[in-house]
PDB file of N, CA and C in Angstrom:
ATOM      1  N   UNK A   1       6.124   5.758  16.422  1.00  0.00           N
ATOM      2  CA  UNK A   1       5.584   5.555  15.094  1.00  0.00           C
ATOM      3  C   UNK A   1       6.697   5.033  14.188  1.00  0.00           C
ATOM      4  N   UNK A   2       6.395   3.961  13.481  1.00  0.00           N
ATOM      5  CA  UNK A   2       7.335   3.374  12.528  1.00  0.00           C
ATOM      6  C   UNK A   2       7.329   4.197  11.242  1.00  0.00           C
ATOM      7  N   UNK A   3       8.466   4.273  10.572  1.00  0.00           N
ATOM      8  CA  UNK A   3       8.573   4.961   9.289  1.00  0.00           C
ATOM      9  C   UNK A   3       8.937   3.942   8.216  1.00  0.00           C
ATOM     10  N   UNK A   4       8.160   3.939   7.126  1.00  0.00           N
ATOM     11  CA  UNK A   4       8.437   3.057   5.995  1.00  0.00           C
ATOM     12  C   UNK A   4       8.586   3.896   4.739  1.00  0.00           C
ATOM     13  N   UNK A   5       9.637   3.630   3.985  1.00  0.00           N
ATOM     14  CA  UNK A   5       9.870   4.291   2.704  1.00  0.00           C
ATOM     15  C   UNK A   5       9.530   3.325   1.589  1.00  0.00           C
ATOM     16  N   UNK A   6       8.669   3.763   0.665  1.00  0.00           N
ATOM     17  CA  UNK A   6       8.250   2.930  -0.452  1.00  0.00           C
ATOM     18  C   UNK A   6       8.460   3.691  -1.749  1.00  0.00           C
ATOM     19  N   UNK A   7       8.958   2.996  -2.750  1.00  0.00           N
ATOM     20  CA  UNK A   7       9.072   3.591  -4.075  1.00  0.00           C
ATOM     21  C   UNK A   7       8.527   2.593  -5.084  1.00  0.00           C
ATOM     22  N   UNK A   8       7.568   3.048  -5.872  1.00  0.00           N
ATOM     23  CA  UNK A   8       6.956   2.195  -6.885  1.00  0.00           C
ATOM     24  C   UNK A   8       7.543   2.534  -8.241  1.00  0.00           C
ATOM     25  N   UNK A   9       8.127   1.542  -8.881  1.00  0.00           N
ATOM     26  CA  UNK A   9       8.780   1.734 -10.176  1.00  0.00           C
ATOM     27  C   UNK A   9       7.775   1.828 -11.318  1.00  0.00           C
ATOM     28  N   UNK A  10       6.707   1.018 -11.238  1.00  0.00           N
ATOM     29  CA  UNK A  10       5.743   0.966 -12.335  1.00  0.00           C
ATOM     30  C   UNK A  10       4.316   1.085 -11.817  1.00  0.00           C
ATOM     31  N   UNK A  11       3.397   1.402 -12.725  1.00  0.00           N
ATOM     32  CA  UNK A  11       1.981   1.455 -12.371  1.00  0.00           C
ATOM     33  C   UNK A  11       1.485   0.077 -11.939  1.00  0.00           C
ATOM     34  N   UNK A  12       1.985  -0.977 -12.567  1.00  0.00           N
ATOM     35  CA  UNK A  12       1.566  -2.338 -12.200  1.00  0.00           C
ATOM     36  C   UNK A  12       1.979  -2.659 -10.763  1.00  0.00           C
ATOM     37  N   UNK A  13       3.187  -2.273 -10.359  1.00  0.00           N
ATOM     38  CA  UNK A  13       3.625  -2.479  -8.971  1.00  0.00           C
ATOM     39  C   UNK A  13       2.682  -1.766  -8.001  1.00  0.00           C
ATOM     40  N   UNK A  14       2.321  -0.546  -8.344  1.00  0.00           N
ATOM     41  CA  UNK A  14       1.417   0.230  -7.500  1.00  0.00           C
ATOM     42  C   UNK A  14       0.040  -0.419  -7.448  1.00  0.00           C
ATOM     43  N   UNK A  15      -0.467  -0.847  -8.597  1.00  0.00           N
ATOM     44  CA  UNK A  15      -1.764  -1.521  -8.657  1.00  0.00           C
ATOM     45  C   UNK A  15      -1.783  -2.755  -7.756  1.00  0.00           C
ATOM     46  N   UNK A  16      -0.727  -3.542  -7.815  1.00  0.00           N
ATOM     47  CA  UNK A  16      -0.685  -4.773  -7.027  1.00  0.00           C
ATOM     48  C   UNK A  16      -0.653  -4.495  -5.521  1.00  0.00           C
ATOM     49  N   UNK A  17      -0.158  -3.348  -5.110  1.00  0.00           N
ATOM     50  CA  UNK A  17      -0.049  -3.025  -3.693  1.00  0.00           C
ATOM     51  C   UNK A  17      -1.215  -2.198  -3.159  1.00  0.00           C
ATOM     52  N   UNK A  18      -1.914  -1.496  -4.033  1.00  0.00           N
ATOM     53  CA  UNK A  18      -2.989  -0.599  -3.593  1.00  0.00           C
ATOM     54  C   UNK A  18      -4.168  -1.400  -3.044  1.00  0.00           C
ATOM     55  N   UNK A  19      -4.790  -0.890  -1.972  1.00  0.00           N
ATOM     56  CA  UNK A  19      -5.923  -1.553  -1.326  1.00  0.00           C
ATOM     57  C   UNK A  19      -7.149  -0.631  -1.403  1.00  0.00           C
ATOM     58  N   UNK A  20      -7.853  -0.596  -2.553  1.00  0.00           N
ATOM     59  CA  UNK A  20      -8.967   0.340  -2.731  1.00  0.00           C
ATOM     60  C   UNK A  20     -10.185   0.009  -1.889  1.00  0.00           C
ATOM     61  N   UNK A  21     -10.268  -1.217  -1.382  1.00  0.00           N
ATOM     62  CA  UNK A  21     -11.429  -1.632  -0.606  1.00  0.00           C
ATOM     63  C   UNK A  21     -11.428  -1.066   0.814  1.00  0.00           C
ATOM     64  N   UNK A  22     -10.317  -0.434   1.239  1.00  0.00           N
ATOM     65  CA  UNK A  22     -10.287   0.228   2.538  1.00  0.00           C
ATOM     66  C   UNK A  22     -10.944   1.597   2.402  1.00  0.00           C
ATOM     67  N   UNK A  23     -11.654   2.016   3.429  1.00  0.00           N
ATOM     68  CA  UNK A  23     -12.460   3.237   3.378  1.00  0.00           C
ATOM     69  C   UNK A  23     -11.691   4.441   2.830  1.00  0.00           C
ATOM     70  N   UNK A  24     -10.481   4.683   3.326  1.00  0.00           N
ATOM     71  CA  UNK A  24      -9.695   5.827   2.864  1.00  0.00           C
ATOM     72  C   UNK A  24      -8.515   5.400   1.994  1.00  0.00           C
ATOM     73  N   UNK A  25      -8.523   4.145   1.582  1.00  0.00           N
ATOM     74  CA  UNK A  25      -7.436   3.616   0.771  1.00  0.00           C
ATOM     75  C   UNK A  25      -6.333   3.042   1.644  1.00  0.00           C
ATOM     76  N   UNK A  26      -5.418   2.344   1.014  1.00  0.00           N
ATOM     77  CA  UNK A  26      -4.313   1.753   1.756  1.00  0.00           C
ATOM     78  C   UNK A  26      -3.316   1.108   0.814  1.00  0.00           C
ATOM     79  N   UNK A  27      -2.229   0.643   1.387  1.00  0.00           N
ATOM     80  CA  UNK A  27      -1.126   0.043   0.633  1.00  0.00           C
ATOM     81  C   UNK A  27      -0.689  -1.243   1.330  1.00  0.00           C
ATOM     82  N   UNK A  28      -0.427  -2.280   0.527  1.00  0.00           N
ATOM     83  CA  UNK A  28       0.159  -3.508   1.041  1.00  0.00           C
ATOM     84  C   UNK A  28       1.665  -3.419   0.829  1.00  0.00           C
ATOM     85  N   UNK A  29       2.412  -3.745   1.877  1.00  0.00           N
ATOM     86  CA  UNK A  29       3.876  -3.682   1.833  1.00  0.00           C
ATOM     87  C   UNK A  29       4.427  -5.078   2.081  1.00  0.00           C
ATOM     88  N   UNK A  30       5.192  -5.596   1.122  1.00  0.00           N
ATOM     89  CA  UNK A  30       5.830  -6.904   1.315  1.00  0.00           C
ATOM     90  C   UNK A  30       6.927  -6.766   2.366  1.00  0.00           C
ATOM     91  N   UNK A  31       6.842  -7.590   3.392  1.00  0.00           N
ATOM     92  CA  UNK A  31       7.862  -7.604   4.428  1.00  0.00           C
ATOM     93  C   UNK A  31       7.741  -8.887   5.247  1.00  0.00           C
ATOM     94  N   UNK A  32       8.862  -9.354   5.758  1.00  0.00           N
ATOM     95  CA  UNK A  32       8.849 -10.488   6.684  1.00  0.00           C
ATOM     96  C   UNK A  32       9.063 -10.001   8.114  1.00  0.00           C
ATOM     97  N   UNK A  33       9.198  -8.677   8.293  1.00  0.00           N
ATOM     98  CA  UNK A  33       9.330  -8.109   9.635  1.00  0.00           C
ATOM     99  C   UNK A  33       8.023  -8.284  10.384  1.00  0.00           C
ATOM    100  N   UNK A  34       8.108  -8.378  11.714  1.00  0.00           N
ATOM    101  CA  UNK A  34       6.923  -8.563  12.542  1.00  0.00           C
ATOM    102  C   UNK A  34       6.339  -7.212  12.941  1.00  0.00           C
ATOM    103  N   UNK A  35       5.037  -7.060  12.772  1.00  0.00           N
ATOM    104  CA  UNK A  35       4.305  -5.873  13.193  1.00  0.00           C
ATOM    105  C   UNK A  35       3.026  -6.315  13.883  1.00  0.00           C
ATOM    106  N   UNK A  36       2.500  -5.462  14.743  1.00  0.00           N
ATOM    107  CA  UNK A  36       1.213  -5.706  15.390  1.00  0.00           C
ATOM    108  C   UNK A  36       0.125  -4.936  14.666  1.00  0.00           C
ATOM    109  N   UNK A  37      -1.080  -5.512  14.641  1.00  0.00           N
ATOM    110  CA  UNK A  37      -2.226  -4.766  14.129  1.00  0.00           C
ATOM    111  C   UNK A  37      -2.379  -3.488  14.930  1.00  0.00           C
ATOM    112  N   UNK A  38      -2.752  -2.417  14.267  1.00  0.00           N
ATOM    113  CA  UNK A  38      -2.957  -1.141  14.941  1.00  0.00           C
ATOM    114  C   UNK A  38      -1.710  -0.280  15.075  1.00  0.00           C
ATOM    115  N   UNK A  39      -0.550  -0.813  14.713  1.00  0.00           N
ATOM    116  CA  UNK A  39       0.684  -0.032  14.790  1.00  0.00           C
ATOM    117  C   UNK A  39       0.574   1.176  13.862  1.00  0.00           C
ATOM    118  N   UNK A  40       0.947   2.345  14.370  1.00  0.00           N
ATOM    119  CA  UNK A  40       0.928   3.553  13.551  1.00  0.00           C
ATOM    120  C   UNK A  40       2.170   3.598  12.671  1.00  0.00           C
ATOM    121  N   UNK A  41       1.964   3.979  11.421  1.00  0.00           N
ATOM    122  CA  UNK A  41       3.030   3.996  10.424  1.00  0.00           C
ATOM    123  C   UNK A  41       3.039   5.356   9.725  1.00  0.00           C
ATOM    124  N   UNK A  42       4.225   5.870   9.487  1.00  0.00           N
ATOM    125  CA  UNK A  42       4.380   7.027   8.617  1.00  0.00           C
ATOM    126  C   UNK A  42       4.968   6.513   7.311  1.00  0.00           C
ATOM    127  N   UNK A  43       4.188   6.620   6.242  1.00  0.00           N
ATOM    128  CA  UNK A  43       4.629   6.165   4.932  1.00  0.00           C
ATOM    129  C   UNK A  43       5.216   7.335   4.155  1.00  0.00           C
ATOM    130  N   UNK A  44       6.371   7.109   3.578  1.00  0.00           N
ATOM    131  CA  UNK A  44       6.941   8.050   2.622  1.00  0.00           C
ATOM    132  C   UNK A  44       6.946   7.321   1.291  1.00  0.00           C
ATOM    133  N   UNK A  45       6.040   7.735   0.406  1.00  0.00           N
ATOM    134  CA  UNK A  45       5.790   7.002  -0.835  1.00  0.00           C
ATOM    135  C   UNK A  45       6.199   7.834  -2.043  1.00  0.00           C
ATOM    136  N   UNK A  46       6.891   7.172  -2.981  1.00  0.00           N
ATOM    137  CA  UNK A  46       7.213   7.790  -4.262  1.00  0.00           C
ATOM    138  C   UNK A  46       6.470   6.998  -5.341  1.00  0.00           C
ATOM    139  N   UNK A  47       5.614   7.693  -6.080  1.00  0.00           N
ATOM    140  CA  UNK A  47       4.862   7.070  -7.163  1.00  0.00           C
ATOM    141  C   UNK A  47       5.715   6.965  -8.422  1.00  0.00           C
ATOM    142  N   UNK A  48       5.310   6.090  -9.368  1.00  0.00           N
ATOM    143  CA  UNK A  48       6.037   6.018 -10.636  1.00  0.00           C
ATOM    144  C   UNK A  48       6.085   7.408 -11.291  1.00  0.00           C
ATOM    145  N   UNK A  49       7.234   7.777 -11.786  1.00  0.00           N
ATOM    146  CA  UNK A  49       7.451   9.052 -12.478  1.00  0.00           C
ATOM    147  C   UNK A  49       7.338  10.285 -11.579  1.00  0.00           C
ATOM    148  N   UNK A  50       7.231  10.115 -10.258  1.00  0.00           N
ATOM    149  CA  UNK A  50       7.172  11.268  -9.350  1.00  0.00           C
ATOM    150  C   UNK A  50       8.583  11.735  -9.023  1.00  0.00           C
ATOM    151  N   UNK A  51       8.705  13.013  -8.755  1.00  0.00           N
ATOM    152  CA  UNK A  51      10.005  13.582  -8.424  1.00  0.00           C
ATOM    153  C   UNK A  51      10.264  13.626  -6.924  1.00  0.00           C
ATOM    154  N   UNK A  52       9.193  13.598  -6.140  1.00  0.00           N
ATOM    155  CA  UNK A  52       9.375  13.628  -4.694  1.00  0.00           C
ATOM    156  C   UNK A  52       8.351  12.728  -4.015  1.00  0.00           C
ATOM    157  N   UNK A  53       8.605  12.449  -2.748  1.00  0.00           N
ATOM    158  CA  UNK A  53       7.727  11.551  -2.009  1.00  0.00           C
ATOM    159  C   UNK A  53       6.586  12.327  -1.357  1.00  0.00           C
ATOM    160  N   UNK A  54       5.576  11.595  -0.959  1.00  0.00           N
ATOM    161  CA  UNK A  54       4.457  12.140  -0.188  1.00  0.00           C
ATOM    162  C   UNK A  54       4.411  11.386   1.126  1.00  0.00           C
ATOM    163  N   UNK A  55       3.951  12.052   2.176  1.00  0.00           N
ATOM    164  CA  UNK A  55       3.828  11.420   3.487  1.00  0.00           C
ATOM    165  C   UNK A  55       2.361  11.157   3.795  1.00  0.00           C
ATOM    166  N   UNK A  56       2.110   9.948   4.264  1.00  0.00           N
ATOM    167  CA  UNK A  56       0.771   9.551   4.675  1.00  0.00           C
ATOM    168  C   UNK A  56       0.892   8.829   6.013  1.00  0.00           C
ATOM    169  N   UNK A  57       0.037   9.189   6.954  1.00  0.00           N
ATOM    170  CA  UNK A  57      -0.015   8.449   8.220  1.00  0.00           C
ATOM    171  C   UNK A  57      -1.058   7.355   8.073  1.00  0.00           C
ATOM    172  N   UNK A  58      -0.736   6.193   8.627  1.00  0.00           N
ATOM    173  CA  UNK A  58      -1.646   5.070   8.540  1.00  0.00           C
ATOM    174  C   UNK A  58      -1.513   4.147   9.725  1.00  0.00           C
ATOM    175  N   UNK A  59      -2.331   3.121   9.730  1.00  0.00           N
ATOM    176  CA  UNK A  59      -2.257   2.082  10.758  1.00  0.00           C
ATOM    177  C   UNK A  59      -2.294   0.723  10.076  1.00  0.00           C
ATOM    178  N   UNK A  60      -1.632  -0.234  10.691  1.00  0.00           N
ATOM    179  CA  UNK A  60      -1.620  -1.594  10.150  1.00  0.00           C
ATOM    180  C   UNK A  60      -2.975  -2.234  10.420  1.00  0.00           C
ATOM    181  N   UNK A  61      -3.607  -2.704   9.341  1.00  0.00           N
ATOM    182  CA  UNK A  61      -4.939  -3.300   9.444  1.00  0.00           C
ATOM    183  C   UNK A  61      -4.994  -4.705   8.849  1.00  0.00           C
ATOM    184  N   UNK A  62      -3.866  -5.180   8.327  1.00  0.00           N
ATOM    185  CA  UNK A  62      -3.851  -6.452   7.597  1.00  0.00           C
ATOM    186  C   UNK A  62      -2.485  -7.091   7.803  1.00  0.00           C
ATOM    187  N   UNK A  63      -2.467  -8.360   8.112  1.00  0.00           N
ATOM    188  CA  UNK A  63      -1.208  -9.099   8.249  1.00  0.00           C
ATOM    189  C   UNK A  63      -1.271 -10.359   7.392  1.00  0.00           C
ATOM    190  N   UNK A  64      -0.256 -10.561   6.586  1.00  0.00           N
ATOM    191  CA  UNK A  64      -0.112 -11.817   5.847  1.00  0.00           C
ATOM    192  C   UNK A  64       1.203 -12.430   6.316  1.00  0.00           C
ATOM    193  N   UNK A  65       1.124 -13.519   7.071  1.00  0.00           N
ATOM    194  CA  UNK A  65       2.344 -14.117   7.620  1.00  0.00           C
ATOM    195  C   UNK A  65       3.132 -14.884   6.557  1.00  0.00           C
ATOM    196  N   UNK A  66       4.415 -15.104   6.820  1.00  0.00           N
ATOM    197  CA  UNK A  66       5.199 -15.950   5.908  1.00  0.00           C
ATOM    198  C   UNK A  66       4.541 -17.327   5.786  1.00  0.00           C
ATOM    199  N   UNK A  67       4.552 -17.896   4.596  1.00  0.00           N
ATOM    200  CA  UNK A  67       3.978 -19.224   4.382  1.00  0.00           C
ATOM    201  C   UNK A  67       2.478 -19.215   4.191  1.00  0.00           C
ATOM    202  N   UNK A  68       1.892 -18.077   3.867  1.00  0.00           N
ATOM    203  CA  UNK A  68       0.447 -17.992   3.659  1.00  0.00           C
ATOM    204  C   UNK A  68       0.032 -18.828   2.447  1.00  0.00           C
ATOM    205  N   UNK A  69      -1.257 -19.157   2.386  1.00  0.00           N
ATOM    206  CA  UNK A  69      -1.787 -19.974   1.301  1.00  0.00           C
ATOM    207  C   UNK A  69      -1.602 -19.299  -0.054  1.00  0.00           C
ATOM    208  N   UNK A  70      -1.617 -20.091  -1.081  1.00  0.00           N
ATOM    209  CA  UNK A  70      -1.566 -19.640  -2.474  1.00  0.00           C
ATOM    210  C   UNK A  70      -0.299 -18.866  -2.821  1.00  0.00           C
ATOM    211  N   UNK A  71       0.742 -19.001  -2.036  1.00  0.00           N
ATOM    212  CA  UNK A  71       1.992 -18.332  -2.345  1.00  0.00           C
ATOM    213  C   UNK A  71       1.954 -16.821  -2.193  1.00  0.00           C
ATOM    214  N   UNK A  72       0.954 -16.309  -1.482  1.00  0.00           N
ATOM    215  CA  UNK A  72       0.860 -14.873  -1.247  1.00  0.00           C
ATOM    216  C   UNK A  72       2.058 -14.427  -0.429  1.00  0.00           C
ATOM    217  N   UNK A  73       2.723 -13.331  -0.827  1.00  0.00           N
ATOM    218  CA  UNK A  73       3.905 -12.897  -0.083  1.00  0.00           C
ATOM    219  C   UNK A  73       3.543 -12.360   1.309  1.00  0.00           C
ATOM    220  N   UNK A  74       4.466 -12.537   2.226  1.00  0.00           N
ATOM    221  CA  UNK A  74       4.281 -12.004   3.577  1.00  0.00           C
ATOM    222  C   UNK A  74       4.280 -10.492   3.518  1.00  0.00           C
ATOM    223  N   UNK A  75       3.495  -9.868   4.389  1.00  0.00           N
ATOM    224  CA  UNK A  75       3.488  -8.416   4.420  1.00  0.00           C
ATOM    225  C   UNK A  75       2.404  -7.851   5.311  1.00  0.00           C
ATOM    226  N   UNK A  76       2.269  -6.532   5.210  1.00  0.00           N
ATOM    227  CA  UNK A  76       1.299  -5.803   6.031  1.00  0.00           C
ATOM    228  C   UNK A  76       0.467  -4.883   5.142  1.00  0.00           C
ATOM    229  N   UNK A  77      -0.784  -4.712   5.523  1.00  0.00           N
ATOM    230  CA  UNK A  77      -1.654  -3.744   4.871  1.00  0.00           C
ATOM    231  C   UNK A  77      -1.769  -2.531   5.766  1.00  0.00           C
ATOM    232  N   UNK A  78      -1.585  -1.365   5.172  1.00  0.00           N
ATOM    233  CA  UNK A  78      -1.630  -0.122   5.935  1.00  0.00           C
ATOM    234  C   UNK A  78      -2.799   0.707   5.432  1.00  0.00           C
ATOM    235  N   UNK A  79      -3.722   0.996   6.338  1.00  0.00           N
ATOM    236  CA  UNK A  79      -4.882   1.814   6.024  1.00  0.00           C
ATOM    237  C   UNK A  79      -4.515   3.285   6.196  1.00  0.00           C
ATOM    238  N   UNK A  80      -4.806   4.114   5.179  1.00  0.00           N
ATOM    239  CA  UNK A  80      -4.508   5.532   5.279  1.00  0.00           C
ATOM    240  C   UNK A  80      -5.392   6.173   6.343  1.00  0.00           C
ATOM    241  N   UNK A  81      -4.772   6.984   7.201  1.00  0.00           N
ATOM    242  CA  UNK A  81      -5.505   7.687   8.256  1.00  0.00           C
ATOM    243  C   UNK A  81      -5.464   9.192   7.999  1.00  0.00           C
ATOM    244  N   UNK A  82      -4.272   9.711   7.760  1.00  0.00           N
ATOM    245  CA  UNK A  82      -4.115  11.134   7.444  1.00  0.00           C
ATOM    246  C   UNK A  82      -3.469  11.240   6.075  1.00  0.00           C
ATOM    247  N   UNK A  83      -4.203  11.840   5.150  1.00  0.00           N
ATOM    248  CA  UNK A  83      -3.769  11.956   3.760  1.00  0.00           C
ATOM    249  C   UNK A  83      -3.944  13.414   3.324  1.00  0.00           C
ATOM    250  N   UNK A  84      -3.126  14.317   3.865  1.00  0.00           N
ATOM    251  CA  UNK A  84      -3.336  15.748   3.628  1.00  0.00           C
ATOM    252  C   UNK A  84      -3.204  16.173   2.168  1.00  0.00           C
ATOM    253  N   UNK A  85      -2.436  15.461   1.380  1.00  0.00           N
ATOM    254  CA  UNK A  85      -2.254  15.827  -0.023  1.00  0.00           C
ATOM    255  C   UNK A  85      -3.183  15.049  -0.953  1.00  0.00           C
ATOM    256  N   UNK A  86      -4.184  14.367  -0.356  1.00  0.00           N
ATOM    257  CA  UNK A  86      -5.136  13.568  -1.127  1.00  0.00           C
ATOM    258  C   UNK A  86      -4.401  12.595  -2.050  1.00  0.00           C
ATOM    259  N   UNK A  87      -3.447  11.898  -1.464  1.00  0.00           N
ATOM    260  CA  UNK A  87      -2.592  10.967  -2.192  1.00  0.00           C
ATOM    261  C   UNK A  87      -3.394   9.815  -2.792  1.00  0.00           C
ATOM    262  N   UNK A  88      -4.467   9.440  -2.098  1.00  0.00           N
ATOM    263  CA  UNK A  88      -5.307   8.352  -2.619  1.00  0.00           C
ATOM    264  C   UNK A  88      -5.784   8.678  -4.033  1.00  0.00           C
ATOM    265  N   UNK A  89      -6.211   9.924  -4.266  1.00  0.00           N
ATOM    266  CA  UNK A  89      -6.667  10.306  -5.607  1.00  0.00           C
ATOM    267  C   UNK A  89      -5.533  10.243  -6.619  1.00  0.00           C
ATOM    268  N   UNK A  90      -4.332  10.621  -6.216  1.00  0.00           N
ATOM    269  CA  UNK A  90      -3.184  10.540  -7.116  1.00  0.00           C
ATOM    270  C   UNK A  90      -2.915   9.086  -7.514  1.00  0.00           C
ATOM    271  N   UNK A  91      -3.013   8.194  -6.530  1.00  0.00           N
ATOM    272  CA  UNK A  91      -2.807   6.768  -6.807  1.00  0.00           C
ATOM    273  C   UNK A  91      -3.862   6.277  -7.795  1.00  0.00           C
ATOM    274  N   UNK A  92      -5.132   6.581  -7.513  1.00  0.00           N
ATOM    275  CA  UNK A  92      -6.215   6.078  -8.361  1.00  0.00           C
ATOM    276  C   UNK A  92      -6.151   6.650  -9.772  1.00  0.00           C
ATOM    277  N   UNK A  93      -5.714   7.886  -9.929  1.00  0.00           N
ATOM    278  CA  UNK A  93      -5.530   8.446 -11.272  1.00  0.00           C
ATOM    279  C   UNK A  93      -4.398   7.716 -12.000  1.00  0.00           C
ATOM    280  N   UNK A  94      -3.327   7.412 -11.267  1.00  0.00           N
ATOM    281  CA  UNK A  94      -2.182   6.749 -11.873  1.00  0.00           C
ATOM    282  C   UNK A  94      -2.453   5.328 -12.321  1.00  0.00           C
ATOM    283  N   UNK A  95      -3.369   4.657 -11.643  1.00  0.00           N
ATOM    284  CA  UNK A  95      -3.658   3.255 -11.981  1.00  0.00           C
ATOM    285  C   UNK A  95      -5.087   3.071 -12.490  1.00  0.00           C
ATOM    286  N   UNK A  96      -5.735   4.141 -12.902  1.00  0.00           N
ATOM    287  CA  UNK A  96      -7.147   4.101 -13.307  1.00  0.00           C
ATOM    288  C   UNK A  96      -7.444   2.992 -14.311  1.00  0.00           C
ATOM    289  N   UNK A  97      -6.585   2.841 -15.302  1.00  0.00           N
ATOM    290  CA  UNK A  97      -6.865   1.834 -16.339  1.00  0.00           C
ATOM    291  C   UNK A  97      -6.727   0.409 -15.805  1.00  0.00           C
ATOM    292  N   UNK A  98      -6.108   0.246 -14.649  1.00  0.00           N
ATOM    293  CA  UNK A  98      -5.918  -1.092 -14.079  1.00  0.00           C
ATOM    294  C   UNK A  98      -6.936  -1.434 -12.986  1.00  0.00           C
ATOM    295  N   UNK A  99      -7.685  -0.448 -12.474  1.00  0.00           N
ATOM    296  CA  UNK A  99      -8.554  -0.683 -11.328  1.00  0.00           C
ATOM    297  C   UNK A  99      -9.636  -1.727 -11.576  1.00  0.00           C
ATOM    298  N   UNK A 100     -10.136  -1.855 -12.779  1.00  0.00           N
ATOM    299  CA  UNK A 100     -11.162  -2.844 -13.083  1.00  0.00           C
ATOM    300  C   UNK A 100     -10.589  -4.142 -13.630  1.00  0.00           C
ATOM    301  N   UNK A 101      -9.275  -4.255 -13.563  1.00  0.00           N
ATOM    302  CA  UNK A 101      -8.564  -5.433 -14.039  1.00  0.00           C
ATOM    303  C   UNK A 101      -8.850  -6.617 -13.112  1.00  0.00           C
ATOM    304  N   UNK A 102      -8.884  -7.790 -13.654  1.00  0.00           N
ATOM    305  CA  UNK A 102      -9.140  -8.988 -12.843  1.00  0.00           C
ATOM    306  C   UNK A 102      -7.831  -9.646 -12.367  1.00  0.00           C
ATOM    307  N   UNK A 103      -6.697  -9.042 -12.678  1.00  0.00           N
ATOM    308  CA  UNK A 103      -5.416  -9.596 -12.228  1.00  0.00           C
ATOM    309  C   UNK A 103      -5.356  -9.580 -10.710  1.00  0.00           C
ATOM    310  N   UNK A 104      -4.805 -10.618 -10.100  1.00  0.00           N
ATOM    311  CA  UNK A 104      -4.714 -10.650  -8.637  1.00  0.00           C
ATOM    312  C   UNK A 104      -3.756  -9.581  -8.119  1.00  0.00           C
ATOM    313  N   UNK A 105      -4.052  -9.124  -6.904  1.00  0.00           N
ATOM    314  CA  UNK A 105      -3.174  -8.173  -6.238  1.00  0.00           C
ATOM    315  C   UNK A 105      -2.485  -8.885  -5.076  1.00  0.00           C
ATOM    316  N   UNK A 106      -1.670  -8.180  -4.349  1.00  0.00           N
ATOM    317  CA  UNK A 106      -0.956  -8.794  -3.231  1.00  0.00           C
ATOM    318  C   UNK A 106      -1.847  -9.033  -2.014  1.00  0.00           C
ATOM    319  N   UNK A 107      -3.027  -8.398  -1.995  1.00  0.00           N
ATOM    320  CA  UNK A 107      -3.897  -8.557  -0.829  1.00  0.00           C
ATOM    321  C   UNK A 107      -5.210  -9.279  -1.147  1.00  0.00           C
ATOM    322  N   UNK A 108      -5.579  -9.390  -2.389  1.00  0.00           N
ATOM    323  CA  UNK A 108      -6.863 -10.054  -2.734  1.00  0.00           C
ATOM    324  C   UNK A 108      -6.664 -10.957  -3.937  1.00  0.00           C
TER     325      UNK A 108
END
């Protein structure tokens, strides 16, 4: 299992990476590293203004290769699989005012 550490400085950064259209939620991670779909990932995520990280297990469900259309950054989408601390709700509360925003995100 791969381990990825993520720290979001602002709510806007989190909004741009969050993938609410996935059944249990997910996060897009900018990277040029190569991953396979289905790879299991352990995410250690620090939200804006949080004092400690949370761990979420996920799987890679989305790949954006380098050089994708519209200048979209290369990266991977990770679908949450095990979210024991209900981190998805914490994310959605933190970015609630941005969820209905029409600003583009890193995955859509």
